[in-house]
């Protein structure tokens, strides 16, 4: 999702000399394969947006894969970017790197100040390692490697699998199918009380393009909207946009996750960048794309 959004943003800015591979063509977990790729292609700029990702269920179920695969992907990319003398690299992390009960909104200096949220600890540990690896290569070798921590993303090319997707795309699919099949209620995990920040992938891509040009500091920087909603508020918003008229059923036997995740984006704002797509507009755009490209064969 984010990689394709960054590609669209770069193309809109007039860039055309891209080195593109699908995950089937280039296994980023395979060190010799990644080494050969960098030696052959010698890219100048690298956006590390590749990762094994998923929602709370996937994170908590595939703990070994989330830790191992993300470590392998980022270690290979960062190391061979250094070996091939890449001019600048951007590592994209996640807001889950912050301690579960860190003061809100989450400031960059809160990293490693407390315990992580248990349900996504392996993914968070991998992302923290990526940040520290970029810092270490910058410190030891003078590499222009920067790290960006985006908030929860949604938008074009998102995944809608009900078992492994993030909350926003999962809710879009649930409400759409419930409406299509005349279901009396939609079940949602947890209590609905946790607060989350959501940002359209096109906005994050624009921020990444801006920061690649204007930011070159050792410390990572948050990328978000500075605004959050409860999961219940999110569900009601999606319900209204989809036009579903049934009830909500909260499964409180399922975990809520971190009580709140809102990024402090004051540093980003001071650099002169702010998001443009508000949440209702972004969800409406995403739902329209879902109906047109993903929801094939759903009975209306």
Protein backbone atom coordinates (compact mmCIF):
# COMPACT_ATOMS: atom_id res chain seq x y z
CA UNK A 1 0.00 0.00 0.00
CA UNK A 2 2.57 2.60 1.05
CA UNK A 3 5.19 1.56 -1.50
CA UNK A 4 2.73 1.98 -4.36
CA UNK A 5 1.62 5.34 -2.94
CA UNK A 6 5.23 6.56 -2.83
CA UNK A 7 5.70 5.40 -6.41
CA UNK A 8 2.61 7.36 -7.52
CA UNK A 9 3.88 10.47 -5.73
CA UNK A 10 7.32 10.23 -7.34
CA UNK A 11 5.81 9.73 -10.77
CA UNK A 12 3.59 12.77 -10.23
CA UNK A 13 6.74 14.75 -9.42
CA UNK A 14 8.26 13.75 -12.76
CA UNK A 15 10.58 10.90 -11.75
CA UNK A 16 10.79 7.94 -14.12
CA UNK A 17 14.03 6.02 -13.50
CA UNK A 18 12.73 3.42 -11.05
CA UNK A 19 14.07 0.00 -10.11
CA UNK A 20 10.95 -2.06 -9.47
CA UNK A 21 10.52 -5.68 -8.38
CA UNK A 22 7.58 -7.58 -6.96
CA UNK A 23 7.98 -9.77 -3.88
CA UNK A 24 7.78 -12.79 -6.20
CA UNK A 25 10.67 -11.42 -8.27
CA UNK A 26 12.87 -10.37 -5.34
CA UNK A 27 12.74 -12.08 -1.94
CA UNK A 28 14.04 -9.41 0.42
CA UNK A 29 14.50 -12.00 3.17
CA UNK A 30 17.21 -13.73 1.10
CA UNK A 31 20.57 -12.07 1.78
CA UNK A 32 22.49 -13.25 -1.32
CA UNK A 33 19.58 -12.29 -3.56
CA UNK A 34 19.42 -8.79 -2.07
CA UNK A 35 23.20 -8.43 -2.29
CA UNK A 36 23.17 -9.35 -5.98
CA UNK A 37 20.29 -6.96 -6.62
CA UNK A 38 22.12 -3.96 -5.14
CA UNK A 39 25.40 -4.85 -6.87
CA UNK A 40 23.61 -5.09 -10.21
CA UNK A 41 21.17 -2.15 -10.01
CA UNK A 42 23.07 0.33 -7.76
CA UNK A 43 20.07 2.52 -6.82
CA UNK A 44 20.69 6.10 -5.64
CA UNK A 45 17.71 6.44 -3.29
CA UNK A 46 15.86 3.77 -1.34
CA UNK A 47 12.48 3.86 0.44
CA UNK A 48 12.23 0.85 2.77
CA UNK A 49 8.46 0.35 2.77
CA UNK A 50 8.51 -3.46 2.52
CA UNK A 51 7.39 -5.35 5.63
CA UNK A 52 5.33 -8.25 6.94
CA UNK A 53 2.28 -6.44 8.31
CA UNK A 54 -1.17 -7.15 9.70
CA UNK A 55 -3.72 -6.29 12.36
CA UNK A 56 -3.88 -7.29 15.99
CA UNK A 57 -4.83 -10.93 15.26
CA UNK A 58 -2.07 -11.45 12.69
CA UNK A 59 0.51 -9.77 14.91
CA UNK A 60 -0.40 -11.91 17.87
CA UNK A 61 -0.69 -15.18 15.91
CA UNK A 62 2.36 -15.07 13.64
CA UNK A 63 4.79 -13.70 16.20
CA UNK A 64 7.85 -15.58 14.92
CA UNK A 65 7.24 -14.63 11.29
CA UNK A 66 6.63 -10.97 12.14
CA UNK A 67 9.91 -10.75 14.03
CA UNK A 68 12.10 -12.89 11.77
CA UNK A 69 10.87 -11.70 8.37
CA UNK A 70 10.90 -7.99 9.22
CA UNK A 71 14.39 -8.24 10.69
CA UNK A 72 15.65 -10.03 7.58
CA UNK A 73 14.02 -7.59 5.15
CA UNK A 74 15.32 -4.44 6.78
CA UNK A 75 18.75 -5.81 7.70
CA UNK A 76 19.41 -6.87 4.11
CA UNK A 77 18.16 -3.62 2.59
CA UNK A 78 19.97 -1.29 4.99
CA UNK A 79 23.26 -3.20 4.92
CA UNK A 80 23.46 -3.51 1.14
CA UNK A 81 22.32 0.08 0.66
CA UNK A 82 25.44 0.98 2.65
CA UNK A 83 27.62 -1.47 0.70
CA UNK A 84 26.46 -0.06 -2.65
CA UNK A 85 26.85 3.56 -1.48
CA UNK A 86 23.22 4.59 -1.79
CA UNK A 87 22.96 8.38 -1.55
CA UNK A 88 20.01 8.36 0.85
CA UNK A 89 17.74 5.76 2.44
CA UNK A 90 14.44 6.20 4.24
CA UNK A 91 13.33 3.48 6.66
CA UNK A 92 9.60 3.38 7.35
CA UNK A 93 8.59 2.13 10.75
CA UNK A 94 5.33 2.10 12.70
CA UNK A 95 3.74 3.89 15.64
CA UNK A 96 3.62 0.54 17.48
CA UNK A 97 7.29 1.11 18.41
CA UNK A 98 6.16 3.23 21.36
CA UNK A 99 5.55 1.87 24.86
CA UNK A 100 1.97 0.81 25.56
CA UNK A 101 1.44 3.46 28.22
CA UNK A 102 3.70 6.25 26.93
CA UNK A 103 2.40 9.80 27.46
CA UNK A 104 0.04 11.01 24.72
CA UNK A 105 0.50 12.34 22.13
CA UNK A 106 3.55 10.18 21.46
CA UNK A 107 6.78 12.15 21.20
CA UNK A 108 9.85 10.76 19.47
CA UNK A 109 11.82 10.81 22.72
CA UNK A 110 9.41 8.30 24.30
CA UNK A 111 11.02 5.43 22.39
CA UNK A 112 12.32 2.68 24.74
CA UNK A 113 10.89 4.43 27.80
CA UNK A 114 8.59 1.58 28.83
CA UNK A 115 7.02 -1.79 28.02
CA UNK A 116 5.62 -2.48 24.56
CA UNK A 117 2.06 -3.57 23.77
CA UNK A 118 2.26 -7.41 24.08
CA UNK A 119 0.03 -8.16 21.07
CA UNK A 120 2.39 -6.49 18.57
CA UNK A 121 5.69 -6.72 20.44
CA UNK A 122 7.57 -8.78 17.78
CA UNK A 123 6.72 -6.31 15.01
CA UNK A 124 7.60 -3.37 17.24
CA UNK A 125 10.95 -4.89 18.20
CA UNK A 126 11.82 -5.41 14.54
CA UNK A 127 10.95 -1.81 13.69
CA UNK A 128 12.95 -0.46 16.65
CA UNK A 129 15.92 -2.51 15.44
CA UNK A 130 15.54 -0.91 12.00
CA UNK A 131 15.64 2.57 13.50
CA UNK A 132 18.72 1.74 15.52
CA UNK A 133 20.41 0.12 12.53
CA UNK A 134 19.95 3.30 10.49
CA UNK A 135 21.33 5.35 13.39
CA UNK A 136 24.33 3.01 13.68
CA UNK A 137 25.21 3.11 9.97
CA UNK A 138 24.88 6.89 10.03
CA UNK A 139 27.11 7.15 13.11
CA UNK A 140 29.77 4.64 12.05
CA UNK A 141 29.84 5.13 8.28
CA UNK A 142 28.30 8.57 7.69
CA UNK A 143 25.37 7.16 5.73
CA UNK A 144 22.45 9.46 4.96
CA UNK A 145 19.92 7.04 6.41
CA UNK A 146 16.76 8.47 7.99
CA UNK A 147 13.77 6.87 9.73
CA UNK A 148 10.13 7.91 9.50
CA UNK A 149 7.39 6.63 11.82
CA UNK A 150 3.95 6.81 10.16
CA UNK A 151 0.72 6.35 12.05
CA UNK A 152 -1.97 3.80 11.05
CA UNK A 153 -2.40 3.85 7.28
CA UNK A 154 -5.28 3.11 4.94
CA UNK A 155 -6.06 3.70 1.27
CA UNK A 156 -5.38 2.33 -2.20
CA UNK A 157 -4.04 -1.26 -2.33
CA UNK A 158 -4.89 -2.00 1.29
CA UNK A 159 -5.60 -5.59 2.37
CA UNK A 160 -9.14 -6.60 3.33
CA UNK A 161 -8.62 -10.08 4.73
CA UNK A 162 -10.76 -10.31 7.85
CA UNK A 163 -8.18 -12.35 9.75
CA UNK A 164 -4.98 -10.45 8.94
CA UNK A 165 -5.93 -6.89 7.93
CA UNK A 166 -5.87 -3.72 10.01
CA UNK A 167 -9.02 -2.42 11.67
CA UNK A 168 -10.11 0.18 9.09
CA UNK A 169 -10.09 -2.05 5.97
CA UNK A 170 -11.58 -4.90 8.01
CA UNK A 171 -14.49 -2.67 9.05
CA UNK A 172 -15.05 -1.52 5.47
CA UNK A 173 -15.38 -5.12 4.33
CA UNK A 174 -17.52 -6.15 7.30
CA UNK A 175 -20.04 -3.35 6.84
CA UNK A 176 -20.13 -3.75 3.06
CA UNK A 177 -20.80 -7.48 3.23
CA UNK A 178 -23.28 -7.08 6.09
CA UNK A 179 -25.25 -4.59 4.00
CA UNK A 180 -25.07 -6.75 0.89
CA UNK A 181 -26.23 -9.86 2.75
CA UNK A 182 -28.80 -8.13 4.96
CA UNK A 183 -27.09 -9.21 8.18
CA UNK A 184 -28.71 -7.86 11.38
CA UNK A 185 -25.44 -6.92 13.10
CA UNK A 186 -21.68 -6.53 12.63
CA UNK A 187 -19.35 -7.96 15.26
CA UNK A 188 -16.31 -5.86 16.18
CA UNK A 189 -13.43 -6.82 18.44
CA UNK A 190 -12.98 -5.20 21.85
CA UNK A 191 -14.90 -2.47 23.60
CA UNK A 192 -14.63 0.26 20.98
CA UNK A 193 -12.92 2.58 23.45
CA UNK A 194 -9.28 2.58 22.21
CA UNK A 195 -8.31 5.71 20.32
CA UNK A 196 -6.44 5.51 17.03
CA UNK A 197 -5.03 7.92 14.48
CA UNK A 198 -5.54 7.17 10.77
CA UNK A 199 -3.78 8.69 7.77
CA UNK A 200 -4.39 8.14 4.07
CA UNK A 201 -1.45 6.47 2.32
CA UNK A 202 -1.31 9.26 -0.28
CA UNK A 203 -0.68 11.79 2.49
CA UNK A 204 2.05 9.61 4.01
CA UNK A 205 3.66 9.23 0.58
CA UNK A 206 3.65 12.99 0.13
CA UNK A 207 5.26 13.41 3.56
CA UNK A 208 7.92 10.82 2.65
CA UNK A 209 8.71 12.64 -0.59
CA UNK A 210 8.98 15.93 1.33
CA UNK A 211 11.19 14.47 4.06
CA UNK A 212 13.50 12.73 1.60
CA UNK A 213 14.28 16.20 0.29
CA UNK A 214 14.21 18.25 3.48
CA UNK A 215 15.17 15.99 6.40
CA UNK A 216 18.56 14.47 7.21
CA UNK A 217 18.83 14.01 10.98
CA UNK A 218 19.92 11.02 13.11
CA UNK A 219 16.66 10.85 15.09
CA UNK A 220 13.50 9.45 13.53
CA UNK A 221 10.45 11.64 12.92
CA UNK A 222 6.73 10.98 13.38
CA UNK A 223 4.34 11.26 10.44
CA UNK A 224 0.66 11.58 11.26
CA UNK A 225 -2.37 13.84 11.37
CA UNK A 226 -2.27 14.76 15.04
CA UNK A 227 -5.96 13.75 15.29
CA UNK A 228 -7.54 10.54 16.58
CA UNK A 229 -10.92 8.83 17.03
CA UNK A 230 -12.22 5.93 19.10
CA UNK A 231 -12.74 2.61 17.35
CA UNK A 232 -16.46 3.06 18.00
CA UNK A 233 -16.43 6.47 16.30
CA UNK A 234 -14.53 4.94 13.38
CA UNK A 235 -17.06 2.10 13.10
CA UNK A 236 -20.01 4.51 13.13
CA UNK A 237 -18.37 6.67 10.47
CA UNK A 238 -17.76 3.68 8.17
CA UNK A 239 -21.27 2.36 8.88
CA UNK A 240 -22.76 5.66 7.74
CA UNK A 241 -20.58 5.94 4.63
CA UNK A 242 -21.40 2.36 3.59
CA UNK A 243 -25.11 2.86 4.33
CA UNK A 244 -25.45 -0.12 6.65
CA UNK A 245 -28.51 0.04 8.91
CA UNK A 246 -27.95 -2.90 11.26
CA UNK A 247 -26.50 -2.96 14.78
CA UNK A 248 -22.97 -3.10 16.21
CA UNK A 249 -22.03 -6.01 18.46
CA UNK A 250 -18.87 -5.61 20.54
CA UNK A 251 -16.97 -8.81 21.31
CA UNK A 252 -15.33 -7.86 24.61
CA UNK A 253 -13.66 -11.27 24.87
CA UNK A 254 -11.23 -10.02 22.23
CA UNK A 255 -8.32 -7.67 23.08
CA UNK A 256 -8.43 -3.91 22.65
CA UNK A 257 -4.69 -3.47 22.22
CA UNK A 258 -2.98 -0.24 23.24
CA UNK A 259 -5.48 2.20 24.85
CA UNK A 260 -4.40 5.11 22.68
CA UNK A 261 -1.92 5.80 19.88
CA UNK A 262 -1.73 9.43 18.79
CA UNK A 263 1.51 10.80 17.38
CA UNK A 264 2.97 14.15 18.28
CA UNK A 265 3.65 15.64 14.85
CA UNK A 266 4.96 19.03 16.00
CA UNK A 267 8.42 18.38 14.49
CA UNK A 268 6.86 17.50 11.14
CA UNK A 269 4.71 20.64 11.22
CA UNK A 270 7.74 22.77 12.09
CA UNK A 271 9.42 21.44 8.94
CA UNK A 272 6.51 22.81 6.93
CA UNK A 273 4.41 19.74 6.10
CA UNK A 274 0.77 18.96 7.07
CA UNK A 275 -1.71 16.34 5.92
CA UNK A 276 -4.46 17.26 3.44
CA UNK A 277 -6.95 14.35 3.39
CA UNK A 278 -9.38 14.32 6.33
CA UNK A 279 -10.72 11.00 7.64
CA UNK A 280 -14.29 11.08 6.21
CA UNK A 281 -12.96 12.09 2.78
CA UNK A 282 -10.26 9.43 2.87
CA UNK A 283 -12.61 6.64 3.94
CA UNK A 284 -15.17 7.61 1.31
CA UNK A 285 -12.44 7.48 -1.37
CA UNK A 286 -11.14 4.16 -0.06
CA UNK A 287 -14.60 2.59 0.12
CA UNK A 288 -15.33 3.64 -3.46
CA UNK A 289 -12.08 1.98 -4.59
CA UNK A 290 -12.94 -1.13 -2.56
CA UNK A 291 -16.33 -1.43 -4.27
CA UNK A 292 -14.83 -0.88 -7.72
CA UNK A 293 -11.76 -3.09 -7.45
CA UNK A 294 -12.02 -5.55 -4.55
CA UNK A 295 -15.65 -6.38 -3.71
CA UNK A 296 -16.23 -8.56 -6.76
CA UNK A 297 -19.18 -10.92 -6.64
CA UNK A 298 -20.69 -9.61 -3.40
CA UNK A 299 -24.47 -9.88 -3.51
CA UNK A 300 -26.16 -6.47 -3.27
